Structures are given as structure tokens and as C-alpha cells.
Amino acid sequence: MLFFSIIYSVVGRYSFLCQLLVYKGQEGEAAACRSPFTNTPKRESACSILCLMSTTTVPEPHVLAVDDSIVDRAVISRLLRSSKYRVTTVDSGKRALELLSLDRNVHMIITDYCMPEMTGFDLLKRVKESSELKEIPVVLMSSENSPTRIRRCLEEGAEDFLIKPVRPSDVSRLCSRVMK
């Protein structure tokens, strides 16, 4: 018996798995061949081929970007989309929590630190306190390079802290590390 697997994949699109089981044999040998799926004897005297093909869609990772600045939301959204991420943007921590209560299919949250009503730090704490959301990586960003602020966020569970303006290299590094 020969067993072949062929895998074809296009990142972010689809993948195929084709398995070929080839049984060769004469009348006496054919009875000794067994199916790997059912472990039952195969009695074909000629060569038979079984090909199973399955198609699965590989979704783009979904990032929730939170910033009260429309310009900063547009910049981070553009950078993430150019790296093939699906991006949803909201303008406040409160709206982020509302969205997360409706759609938990978020793979990463990237949020500004300084926002009115609910800061990015407050959003981080709420996410990490939630049993349903705590596994989502949260990245904070700020235009202020304050070591105390950065340390505090990392100690609270932030995956990373970016200094604005966010550059393409920041997004590449972040996504390769966080979105494993």
C-alpha cells in the first residue's frame, strides 16, 4: 500500500488536502491490504485510488483598533490592512467593549493610551479581567515615551507598547510576534 498526501495552500484564501491511497496487489496479496481508515481488508485485484479533498477557508486575522483621533485610526488601519489584516476601528474604549460583547472573533486589540472617558489602560484592565476576553493580546500606543507608563501597561498584561507615530516596521514586528 502506498499513501500520498498533497497539501496546497494560499495564505488567507484556501487550502486543499488531497490524500491518495494506492492498493497494488495480486489476488493473494490483495487480501492483506487494509484500509487506514477502517482497518478492514481490501480485496481489489487491481489498483484502486481514493482521493479525499477538503477545502477550508483561512480567515484574515481580525484586529480591533481603538483611538479617539480619526487620523491615528486611519493610519493604524491602513498599516494593518497593508499587512493583510481585517481591521475594525472604534473611537473609544467604551465602544470597543460594546463591539467585543457582540463579536469575540478579534485576534488582537491595538489601542491608544490617552482617550477621554476610558483610557487605553482602563480598556486593557477590563479585557484582562474578563474570562472571555483575557486571551486577546492588547497593544497600547502613545505619543509620549514614558517608561513608567510603559512598564505599568506591560505589568498589567499588555503584549507591547508602541510609540507614535506608528511605522510599518512596528506593525510588521508586532504582527509577527503577537499574531503567531
N, C-alpha and C. Protein backbone atom coordinates (compact mmCIF):
# COMPACT_ATOMS: atom_id res chain seq x y z
N MET A 1 0.86 -1.18 0.00
CA MET A 1 0.00 0.00 0.00
C MET A 1 0.90 1.23 0.00
N LEU A 2 0.56 2.19 -0.81
CA LEU A 2 1.25 3.47 -0.86
C LEU A 2 0.29 4.55 -0.39
N PHE A 3 0.80 5.51 0.36
CA PHE A 3 -0.04 6.58 0.90
C PHE A 3 0.64 7.90 0.57
N PHE A 4 -0.07 8.76 -0.14
CA PHE A 4 0.47 10.06 -0.50
C PHE A 4 -0.43 11.16 0.04
N SER A 5 0.16 12.23 0.53
CA SER A 5 -0.61 13.42 0.92
C SER A 5 -0.09 14.60 0.12
N ILE A 6 -1.00 15.35 -0.43
CA ILE A 6 -0.64 16.55 -1.17
C ILE A 6 -1.37 17.71 -0.52
N ILE A 7 -0.63 18.72 -0.13
CA ILE A 7 -1.24 19.88 0.51
C ILE A 7 -0.93 21.11 -0.34
N TYR A 8 -1.97 21.86 -0.65
CA TYR A 8 -1.82 23.09 -1.41
C TYR A 8 -2.49 24.19 -0.61
N SER A 9 -1.79 25.30 -0.42
CA SER A 9 -2.37 26.35 0.41
C SER A 9 -2.03 27.72 -0.16
N VAL A 10 -2.98 28.62 -0.08
CA VAL A 10 -2.77 30.02 -0.42
C VAL A 10 -3.14 30.80 0.84
N VAL A 11 -2.17 31.49 1.42
CA VAL A 11 -2.37 32.18 2.68
C VAL A 11 -3.52 33.17 2.59
N GLY A 12 -4.43 33.09 3.57
CA GLY A 12 -5.56 34.00 3.63
C GLY A 12 -6.69 33.66 2.67
N ARG A 13 -6.53 32.59 1.91
CA ARG A 13 -7.55 32.26 0.91
C ARG A 13 -8.15 30.87 1.18
N TYR A 14 -7.39 29.83 0.87
CA TYR A 14 -7.93 28.48 0.99
C TYR A 14 -6.80 27.48 1.09
N SER A 15 -7.11 26.27 1.45
CA SER A 15 -6.13 25.19 1.43
C SER A 15 -6.83 23.91 1.00
N PHE A 16 -6.08 23.05 0.34
CA PHE A 16 -6.59 21.76 -0.10
C PHE A 16 -5.71 20.67 0.51
N LEU A 17 -6.32 19.59 0.89
CA LEU A 17 -5.58 18.40 1.32
C LEU A 17 -6.11 17.25 0.49
N CYS A 18 -5.25 16.66 -0.27
CA CYS A 18 -5.64 15.53 -1.09
C CYS A 18 -4.83 14.33 -0.63
N GLN A 19 -5.50 13.27 -0.23
CA GLN A 19 -4.81 12.06 0.21
C GLN A 19 -5.09 10.96 -0.80
N LEU A 20 -4.03 10.33 -1.25
CA LEU A 20 -4.15 9.25 -2.22
C LEU A 20 -3.74 7.95 -1.55
N LEU A 21 -4.60 6.96 -1.59
CA LEU A 21 -4.29 5.63 -1.09
C LEU A 21 -4.25 4.71 -2.29
N VAL A 22 -3.13 4.12 -2.53
CA VAL A 22 -2.98 3.26 -3.69
C VAL A 22 -2.76 1.83 -3.21
N TYR A 23 -3.62 0.91 -3.65
CA TYR A 23 -3.51 -0.50 -3.30
C TYR A 23 -3.07 -1.27 -4.54
N LYS A 24 -1.95 -1.95 -4.43
CA LYS A 24 -1.48 -2.77 -5.54
C LYS A 24 -1.52 -4.21 -5.06
N GLY A 25 -1.81 -5.09 -5.90
CA GLY A 25 -1.72 -6.47 -5.46
C GLY A 25 -2.26 -7.47 -6.43
N GLN A 26 -1.84 -8.68 -6.22
CA GLN A 26 -2.36 -9.83 -6.95
C GLN A 26 -3.49 -10.39 -6.10
N GLU A 27 -4.09 -11.42 -6.54
CA GLU A 27 -5.21 -11.99 -5.80
C GLU A 27 -4.82 -12.36 -4.39
N GLY A 28 -3.70 -12.97 -4.17
CA GLY A 28 -3.28 -13.39 -2.83
C GLY A 28 -2.86 -12.21 -1.96
N GLU A 29 -2.19 -11.24 -2.56
CA GLU A 29 -1.70 -10.11 -1.79
C GLU A 29 -2.81 -9.13 -1.44
N ALA A 30 -3.80 -9.01 -2.28
CA ALA A 30 -4.85 -8.01 -2.10
C ALA A 30 -5.56 -8.18 -0.78
N ALA A 31 -5.73 -9.42 -0.35
CA ALA A 31 -6.43 -9.67 0.92
C ALA A 31 -5.64 -9.12 2.09
N ALA A 32 -4.33 -8.93 1.95
CA ALA A 32 -3.50 -8.45 3.05
C ALA A 32 -3.54 -6.93 3.18
N CYS A 33 -3.98 -6.22 2.16
CA CYS A 33 -4.04 -4.76 2.21
C CYS A 33 -5.20 -4.33 3.11
N ARG A 34 -4.99 -3.30 3.89
CA ARG A 34 -6.02 -2.84 4.80
C ARG A 34 -6.23 -1.34 4.61
N SER A 35 -7.46 -0.92 4.81
CA SER A 35 -7.79 0.50 4.74
C SER A 35 -7.27 1.18 5.99
N PRO A 36 -6.55 2.30 5.88
CA PRO A 36 -6.07 3.00 7.07
C PRO A 36 -7.20 3.65 7.86
N PHE A 37 -8.38 3.81 7.24
CA PHE A 37 -9.50 4.46 7.93
C PHE A 37 -10.33 3.47 8.74
N THR A 38 -10.55 2.27 8.17
CA THR A 38 -11.42 1.30 8.84
C THR A 38 -10.69 0.05 9.29
N ASN A 39 -9.43 -0.10 8.88
CA ASN A 39 -8.60 -1.27 9.18
C ASN A 39 -9.26 -2.55 8.68
N THR A 40 -10.03 -2.45 7.61
CA THR A 40 -10.66 -3.63 7.03
C THR A 40 -9.89 -4.05 5.79
N PRO A 41 -9.87 -5.35 5.51
CA PRO A 41 -9.14 -5.83 4.33
C PRO A 41 -9.74 -5.28 3.04
N LYS A 42 -8.87 -5.01 2.09
CA LYS A 42 -9.29 -4.60 0.75
C LYS A 42 -9.06 -5.79 -0.17
N ARG A 43 -10.03 -6.10 -0.99
CA ARG A 43 -9.95 -7.31 -1.81
C ARG A 43 -9.86 -7.00 -3.31
N GLU A 44 -9.48 -5.77 -3.65
CA GLU A 44 -9.38 -5.44 -5.06
C GLU A 44 -8.16 -6.14 -5.65
N SER A 45 -8.30 -6.60 -6.85
CA SER A 45 -7.15 -7.23 -7.50
C SER A 45 -6.43 -6.23 -8.39
N ALA A 46 -7.08 -5.13 -8.67
CA ALA A 46 -6.45 -4.10 -9.49
C ALA A 46 -6.09 -2.93 -8.58
N CYS A 47 -5.42 -1.97 -9.14
CA CYS A 47 -5.02 -0.79 -8.38
C CYS A 47 -6.24 0.11 -8.18
N SER A 48 -6.48 0.53 -6.93
CA SER A 48 -7.59 1.47 -6.69
C SER A 48 -7.04 2.71 -6.02
N ILE A 49 -7.64 3.83 -6.30
CA ILE A 49 -7.19 5.10 -5.75
C ILE A 49 -8.35 5.78 -5.06
N LEU A 50 -8.08 6.25 -3.84
CA LEU A 50 -9.08 7.00 -3.10
C LEU A 50 -8.51 8.40 -2.89
N CYS A 51 -9.23 9.37 -3.33
CA CYS A 51 -8.78 10.74 -3.16
C CYS A 51 -9.83 11.51 -2.38
N LEU A 52 -9.43 12.03 -1.23
CA LEU A 52 -10.32 12.84 -0.41
C LEU A 52 -9.84 14.27 -0.49
N MET A 53 -10.73 15.16 -0.81
CA MET A 53 -10.33 16.55 -0.90
C MET A 53 -11.22 17.38 0.00
N SER A 54 -10.59 18.21 0.82
CA SER A 54 -11.38 19.11 1.65
C SER A 54 -10.88 20.52 1.42
N THR A 55 -11.77 21.45 1.45
CA THR A 55 -11.44 22.85 1.27
C THR A 55 -11.79 23.61 2.53
N THR A 56 -10.84 24.38 3.02
CA THR A 56 -11.11 25.21 4.18
C THR A 56 -10.69 26.63 3.88
N THR A 57 -11.42 27.56 4.38
CA THR A 57 -11.07 28.96 4.22
C THR A 57 -10.27 29.41 5.42
N VAL A 58 -9.16 30.08 5.16
CA VAL A 58 -8.33 30.60 6.22
C VAL A 58 -8.64 32.09 6.36
N PRO A 59 -9.31 32.50 7.44
CA PRO A 59 -9.71 33.90 7.56
C PRO A 59 -8.52 34.81 7.86
N GLU A 60 -8.66 36.06 7.45
CA GLU A 60 -7.65 37.05 7.80
C GLU A 60 -7.75 37.33 9.29
N PRO A 61 -6.62 37.50 9.98
CA PRO A 61 -6.70 37.86 11.39
C PRO A 61 -7.43 39.19 11.56
N HIS A 62 -8.24 39.28 12.61
CA HIS A 62 -9.08 40.46 12.85
C HIS A 62 -8.48 41.29 13.98
N VAL A 63 -8.21 42.55 13.69
CA VAL A 63 -7.64 43.47 14.67
C VAL A 63 -8.65 44.57 14.96
N LEU A 64 -8.83 44.85 16.25
CA LEU A 64 -9.68 45.96 16.69
C LEU A 64 -8.76 47.12 17.04
N ALA A 65 -8.88 48.23 16.31
CA ALA A 65 -8.06 49.42 16.54
C ALA A 65 -8.91 50.48 17.24
N VAL A 66 -8.41 50.97 18.37
CA VAL A 66 -9.17 51.91 19.20
C VAL A 66 -8.35 53.19 19.37
N ASP A 67 -8.91 54.31 18.91
CA ASP A 67 -8.22 55.60 19.06
C ASP A 67 -9.25 56.71 18.89
N ASP A 68 -9.18 57.73 19.72
CA ASP A 68 -10.12 58.84 19.61
C ASP A 68 -9.76 59.78 18.46
N SER A 69 -8.55 59.67 17.93
CA SER A 69 -8.12 60.51 16.81
C SER A 69 -8.45 59.81 15.49
N ILE A 70 -9.26 60.48 14.66
CA ILE A 70 -9.63 59.89 13.37
C ILE A 70 -8.40 59.70 12.48
N VAL A 71 -7.43 60.60 12.58
CA VAL A 71 -6.21 60.49 11.78
C VAL A 71 -5.41 59.27 12.21
N ASP A 72 -5.21 59.11 13.52
CA ASP A 72 -4.45 57.96 14.01
C ASP A 72 -5.17 56.64 13.71
N ARG A 73 -6.49 56.63 13.79
CA ARG A 73 -7.25 55.42 13.42
C ARG A 73 -7.02 55.07 11.96
N ALA A 74 -7.03 56.08 11.10
CA ALA A 74 -6.82 55.84 9.67
C ALA A 74 -5.41 55.33 9.40
N VAL A 75 -4.42 55.88 10.09
CA VAL A 75 -3.03 55.46 9.88
C VAL A 75 -2.84 54.00 10.31
N ILE A 76 -3.27 53.66 11.52
CA ILE A 76 -3.06 52.29 12.01
C ILE A 76 -3.88 51.30 11.17
N SER A 77 -5.07 51.71 10.77
CA SER A 77 -5.90 50.85 9.93
C SER A 77 -5.22 50.57 8.59
N ARG A 78 -4.68 51.61 7.97
CA ARG A 78 -4.00 51.44 6.69
C ARG A 78 -2.78 50.53 6.82
N LEU A 79 -2.01 50.73 7.89
CA LEU A 79 -0.82 49.90 8.10
C LEU A 79 -1.19 48.43 8.31
N LEU A 80 -2.22 48.18 9.09
CA LEU A 80 -2.63 46.80 9.35
C LEU A 80 -3.23 46.15 8.11
N ARG A 81 -4.04 46.90 7.37
CA ARG A 81 -4.65 46.34 6.15
C ARG A 81 -3.59 46.02 5.10
N SER A 82 -2.54 46.84 5.03
CA SER A 82 -1.47 46.55 4.06
C SER A 82 -0.71 45.29 4.45
N SER A 83 -0.82 44.88 5.71
CA SER A 83 -0.21 43.62 6.16
C SER A 83 -1.22 42.48 6.12
N LYS A 84 -2.33 42.68 5.44
CA LYS A 84 -3.37 41.65 5.22
C LYS A 84 -4.18 41.30 6.47
N TYR A 85 -4.44 42.29 7.30
CA TYR A 85 -5.29 42.08 8.47
C TYR A 85 -6.64 42.73 8.22
N ARG A 86 -7.68 42.11 8.75
CA ARG A 86 -9.02 42.71 8.72
C ARG A 86 -9.07 43.63 9.93
N VAL A 87 -9.48 44.86 9.73
CA VAL A 87 -9.43 45.87 10.80
C VAL A 87 -10.82 46.46 11.03
N THR A 88 -11.18 46.54 12.31
CA THR A 88 -12.37 47.27 12.73
C THR A 88 -11.87 48.41 13.60
N THR A 89 -12.35 49.63 13.35
CA THR A 89 -11.92 50.77 14.16
C THR A 89 -13.09 51.32 14.96
N VAL A 90 -12.77 51.75 16.17
CA VAL A 90 -13.74 52.45 17.02
C VAL A 90 -13.03 53.61 17.68
N ASP A 91 -13.82 54.58 18.17
CA ASP A 91 -13.23 55.82 18.70
C ASP A 91 -13.14 55.89 20.22
N SER A 92 -13.48 54.81 20.92
CA SER A 92 -13.40 54.87 22.39
C SER A 92 -13.31 53.46 22.98
N GLY A 93 -12.81 53.41 24.21
CA GLY A 93 -12.76 52.15 24.93
C GLY A 93 -14.14 51.58 25.17
N LYS A 94 -15.09 52.46 25.43
CA LYS A 94 -16.47 52.02 25.66
C LYS A 94 -17.03 51.32 24.42
N ARG A 95 -16.80 51.91 23.26
CA ARG A 95 -17.29 51.29 22.01
C ARG A 95 -16.55 49.99 21.72
N ALA A 96 -15.28 49.94 22.11
CA ALA A 96 -14.52 48.69 21.93
C ALA A 96 -15.15 47.57 22.74
N LEU A 97 -15.50 47.85 23.99
CA LEU A 97 -16.13 46.83 24.84
C LEU A 97 -17.50 46.42 24.29
N GLU A 98 -18.24 47.39 23.76
CA GLU A 98 -19.54 47.07 23.15
C GLU A 98 -19.35 46.13 21.96
N LEU A 99 -18.38 46.43 21.12
CA LEU A 99 -18.12 45.58 19.96
C LEU A 99 -17.67 44.19 20.40
N LEU A 100 -16.80 44.13 21.40
CA LEU A 100 -16.31 42.83 21.89
C LEU A 100 -17.42 41.99 22.51
N SER A 101 -18.44 42.65 23.04
CA SER A 101 -19.56 41.88 23.60
C SER A 101 -20.41 41.25 22.49
N LEU A 102 -20.34 41.83 21.29
CA LEU A 102 -21.11 41.31 20.15
C LEU A 102 -20.29 40.36 19.28
N ASP A 103 -19.00 40.63 19.17
CA ASP A 103 -18.13 39.86 18.27
C ASP A 103 -16.82 39.56 18.98
N ARG A 104 -16.67 38.33 19.45
CA ARG A 104 -15.43 37.96 20.14
C ARG A 104 -14.38 37.41 19.18
N ASN A 105 -14.66 37.47 17.90
CA ASN A 105 -13.71 36.98 16.90
C ASN A 105 -12.68 38.06 16.57
N VAL A 106 -11.98 38.51 17.60
CA VAL A 106 -10.93 39.52 17.46
C VAL A 106 -9.63 38.86 17.89
N HIS A 107 -8.60 38.99 17.07
CA HIS A 107 -7.33 38.33 17.35
C HIS A 107 -6.32 39.24 18.06
N MET A 108 -6.54 40.55 18.00
CA MET A 108 -5.66 41.50 18.68
C MET A 108 -6.39 42.83 18.82
N ILE A 109 -6.10 43.53 19.93
CA ILE A 109 -6.63 44.88 20.15
C ILE A 109 -5.42 45.80 20.19
N ILE A 110 -5.47 46.87 19.42
CA ILE A 110 -4.43 47.89 19.49
C ILE A 110 -5.14 49.19 19.85
N THR A 111 -4.71 49.81 20.96
CA THR A 111 -5.43 50.97 21.48
C THR A 111 -4.50 52.10 21.88
N ASP A 112 -5.00 53.31 21.70
CA ASP A 112 -4.30 54.50 22.17
C ASP A 112 -4.36 54.50 23.70
N TYR A 113 -3.34 55.06 24.33
CA TYR A 113 -3.33 55.14 25.79
C TYR A 113 -4.24 56.27 26.29
N CYS A 114 -4.07 57.46 25.71
CA CYS A 114 -4.82 58.64 26.18
C CYS A 114 -6.09 58.84 25.37
N MET A 115 -7.23 58.55 26.00
CA MET A 115 -8.53 58.79 25.37
C MET A 115 -9.47 59.29 26.45
N PRO A 116 -10.47 60.10 26.07
CA PRO A 116 -11.44 60.57 27.07
C PRO A 116 -12.34 59.42 27.54
N GLU A 117 -12.99 59.59 28.66
CA GLU A 117 -13.90 58.62 29.28
C GLU A 117 -13.19 57.37 29.77
N MET A 118 -12.66 56.57 28.86
CA MET A 118 -11.95 55.34 29.24
C MET A 118 -10.60 55.33 28.53
N THR A 119 -9.53 55.31 29.32
CA THR A 119 -8.20 55.29 28.72
C THR A 119 -7.90 53.91 28.14
N GLY A 120 -6.86 53.85 27.35
CA GLY A 120 -6.42 52.55 26.84
C GLY A 120 -5.99 51.63 27.96
N PHE A 121 -5.42 52.21 29.02
CA PHE A 121 -5.03 51.41 30.19
C PHE A 121 -6.26 50.81 30.85
N ASP A 122 -7.33 51.60 30.97
CA ASP A 122 -8.59 51.08 31.54
C ASP A 122 -9.16 49.96 30.67
N LEU A 123 -9.09 50.14 29.36
CA LEU A 123 -9.57 49.10 28.44
C LEU A 123 -8.74 47.83 28.62
N LEU A 124 -7.44 47.97 28.71
CA LEU A 124 -6.55 46.83 28.94
C LEU A 124 -6.97 46.07 30.20
N LYS A 125 -7.19 46.80 31.30
CA LYS A 125 -7.58 46.15 32.56
C LYS A 125 -8.91 45.42 32.41
N ARG A 126 -9.88 46.03 31.74
CA ARG A 126 -11.19 45.40 31.56
C ARG A 126 -11.09 44.12 30.73
N VAL A 127 -10.27 44.16 29.69
CA VAL A 127 -10.09 42.98 28.84
C VAL A 127 -9.42 41.86 29.63
N LYS A 128 -8.38 42.19 30.37
CA LYS A 128 -7.64 41.17 31.11
C LYS A 128 -8.42 40.63 32.31
N GLU A 129 -9.39 41.38 32.81
CA GLU A 129 -10.24 40.91 33.91
C GLU A 129 -11.38 40.01 33.42
N SER A 130 -11.65 40.03 32.13
CA SER A 130 -12.76 39.26 31.56
C SER A 130 -12.31 37.84 31.21
N SER A 131 -13.03 36.86 31.71
CA SER A 131 -12.67 35.47 31.41
C SER A 131 -12.83 35.17 29.91
N GLU A 132 -13.76 35.84 29.24
CA GLU A 132 -13.97 35.60 27.81
C GLU A 132 -12.96 36.32 26.92
N LEU A 133 -12.39 37.42 27.39
CA LEU A 133 -11.54 38.25 26.55
C LEU A 133 -10.06 38.21 26.90
N LYS A 134 -9.72 37.69 28.06
CA LYS A 134 -8.36 37.85 28.58
C LYS A 134 -7.25 37.28 27.70
N GLU A 135 -7.59 36.35 26.79
CA GLU A 135 -6.57 35.76 25.92
C GLU A 135 -6.27 36.62 24.69
N ILE A 136 -7.06 37.66 24.46
CA ILE A 136 -6.81 38.53 23.31
C ILE A 136 -5.61 39.43 23.63
N PRO A 137 -4.57 39.41 22.78
CA PRO A 137 -3.43 40.30 23.01
C PRO A 137 -3.86 41.76 22.86
N VAL A 138 -3.39 42.59 23.80
CA VAL A 138 -3.69 44.03 23.77
C VAL A 138 -2.37 44.78 23.64
N VAL A 139 -2.31 45.68 22.67
CA VAL A 139 -1.14 46.51 22.44
C VAL A 139 -1.56 47.95 22.64
N LEU A 140 -0.78 48.68 23.44
CA LEU A 140 -1.07 50.10 23.65
C LEU A 140 -0.09 50.94 22.85
N MET A 141 -0.53 52.15 22.52
CA MET A 141 0.34 53.09 21.80
C MET A 141 0.11 54.49 22.34
N SER A 142 1.16 55.29 22.28
CA SER A 142 1.08 56.66 22.78
C SER A 142 2.17 57.49 22.12
N SER A 143 1.93 58.79 22.04
CA SER A 143 2.96 59.69 21.52
C SER A 143 3.95 60.07 22.61
N GLU A 144 3.62 59.75 23.86
CA GLU A 144 4.52 60.04 24.99
C GLU A 144 5.34 58.81 25.33
N ASN A 145 6.66 58.98 25.33
CA ASN A 145 7.56 57.88 25.66
C ASN A 145 7.87 57.93 27.16
N SER A 146 6.93 57.45 27.95
CA SER A 146 7.06 57.47 29.40
C SER A 146 7.37 56.07 29.91
N PRO A 147 8.61 55.83 30.37
CA PRO A 147 8.98 54.50 30.86
C PRO A 147 8.06 53.98 31.97
N THR A 148 7.59 54.88 32.84
CA THR A 148 6.70 54.46 33.93
C THR A 148 5.38 53.95 33.35
N ARG A 149 4.83 54.68 32.40
CA ARG A 149 3.57 54.30 31.76
C ARG A 149 3.73 52.96 31.02
N ILE A 150 4.82 52.84 30.27
CA ILE A 150 5.06 51.61 29.51
C ILE A 150 5.17 50.41 30.45
N ARG A 151 5.97 50.55 31.51
CA ARG A 151 6.15 49.46 32.48
C ARG A 151 4.82 49.07 33.12
N ARG A 152 4.04 50.07 33.49
CA ARG A 152 2.73 49.83 34.12
C ARG A 152 1.81 49.02 33.19
N CYS A 153 1.78 49.38 31.91
CA CYS A 153 0.94 48.66 30.95
C CYS A 153 1.43 47.22 30.75
N LEU A 154 2.73 47.04 30.63
CA LEU A 154 3.27 45.69 30.44
C LEU A 154 3.01 44.83 31.67
N GLU A 155 3.13 45.42 32.86
CA GLU A 155 2.84 44.68 34.10
C GLU A 155 1.37 44.29 34.20
N GLU A 156 0.50 45.09 33.62
CA GLU A 156 -0.94 44.81 33.67
C GLU A 156 -1.37 43.78 32.61
N GLY A 157 -0.45 43.43 31.71
CA GLY A 157 -0.75 42.37 30.74
C GLY A 157 -0.70 42.78 29.29
N ALA A 158 -0.27 44.02 29.00
CA ALA A 158 -0.16 44.44 27.60
C ALA A 158 0.90 43.59 26.90
N GLU A 159 0.63 43.28 25.67
CA GLU A 159 1.56 42.48 24.86
C GLU A 159 2.74 43.32 24.41
N ASP A 160 2.49 44.60 24.15
CA ASP A 160 3.54 45.51 23.68
C ASP A 160 3.06 46.94 23.86
N PHE A 161 3.97 47.88 23.69
CA PHE A 161 3.67 49.30 23.79
C PHE A 161 4.41 49.99 22.65
N LEU A 162 3.67 50.65 21.76
CA LEU A 162 4.27 51.33 20.62
C LEU A 162 4.26 52.84 20.83
N ILE A 163 5.32 53.48 20.36
CA ILE A 163 5.41 54.94 20.42
C ILE A 163 4.97 55.49 19.06
N LYS A 164 4.03 56.44 19.10
CA LYS A 164 3.55 57.08 17.87
C LYS A 164 4.59 58.08 17.38
N PRO A 165 4.69 58.30 16.11
CA PRO A 165 3.87 57.72 15.05
C PRO A 165 4.27 56.26 14.79
N VAL A 166 3.27 55.43 14.60
CA VAL A 166 3.50 54.01 14.33
C VAL A 166 3.98 53.87 12.89
N ARG A 167 5.05 53.10 12.73
CA ARG A 167 5.65 52.91 11.41
C ARG A 167 5.34 51.50 10.88
N PRO A 168 5.48 51.30 9.59
CA PRO A 168 5.26 49.95 9.02
C PRO A 168 6.12 48.88 9.70
N SER A 169 7.36 49.23 10.04
CA SER A 169 8.24 48.25 10.70
C SER A 169 7.70 47.86 12.08
N ASP A 170 7.04 48.80 12.77
CA ASP A 170 6.42 48.48 14.07
C ASP A 170 5.31 47.44 13.88
N VAL A 171 4.49 47.65 12.86
CA VAL A 171 3.37 46.74 12.61
C VAL A 171 3.88 45.37 12.19
N SER A 172 4.90 45.32 11.34
CA SER A 172 5.47 44.03 10.92
C SER A 172 6.03 43.27 12.11
N ARG A 173 6.79 43.95 12.94
CA ARG A 173 7.39 43.31 14.12
C ARG A 173 6.30 42.84 15.07
N LEU A 174 5.34 43.69 15.29
CA LEU A 174 4.25 43.38 16.21
C LEU A 174 3.44 42.17 15.73
N CYS A 175 3.06 42.20 14.49
CA CYS A 175 2.21 41.13 13.96
C CYS A 175 2.94 39.80 13.90
N SER A 176 4.22 39.82 13.57
CA SER A 176 4.96 38.55 13.53
C SER A 176 5.15 37.98 14.93
N ARG A 177 5.22 38.83 15.93
CA ARG A 177 5.42 38.37 17.30
C ARG A 177 4.11 38.03 18.00
N VAL A 178 3.11 38.87 17.85
CA VAL A 178 1.86 38.71 18.59
C VAL A 178 0.90 37.75 17.89
N MET A 179 0.83 37.81 16.58
CA MET A 179 -0.16 37.03 15.83
C MET A 179 0.43 35.71 15.33
N LYS A 180 1.09 34.99 16.18
CA LYS A 180 1.76 33.74 15.80
C LYS A 180 0.82 32.73 15.25
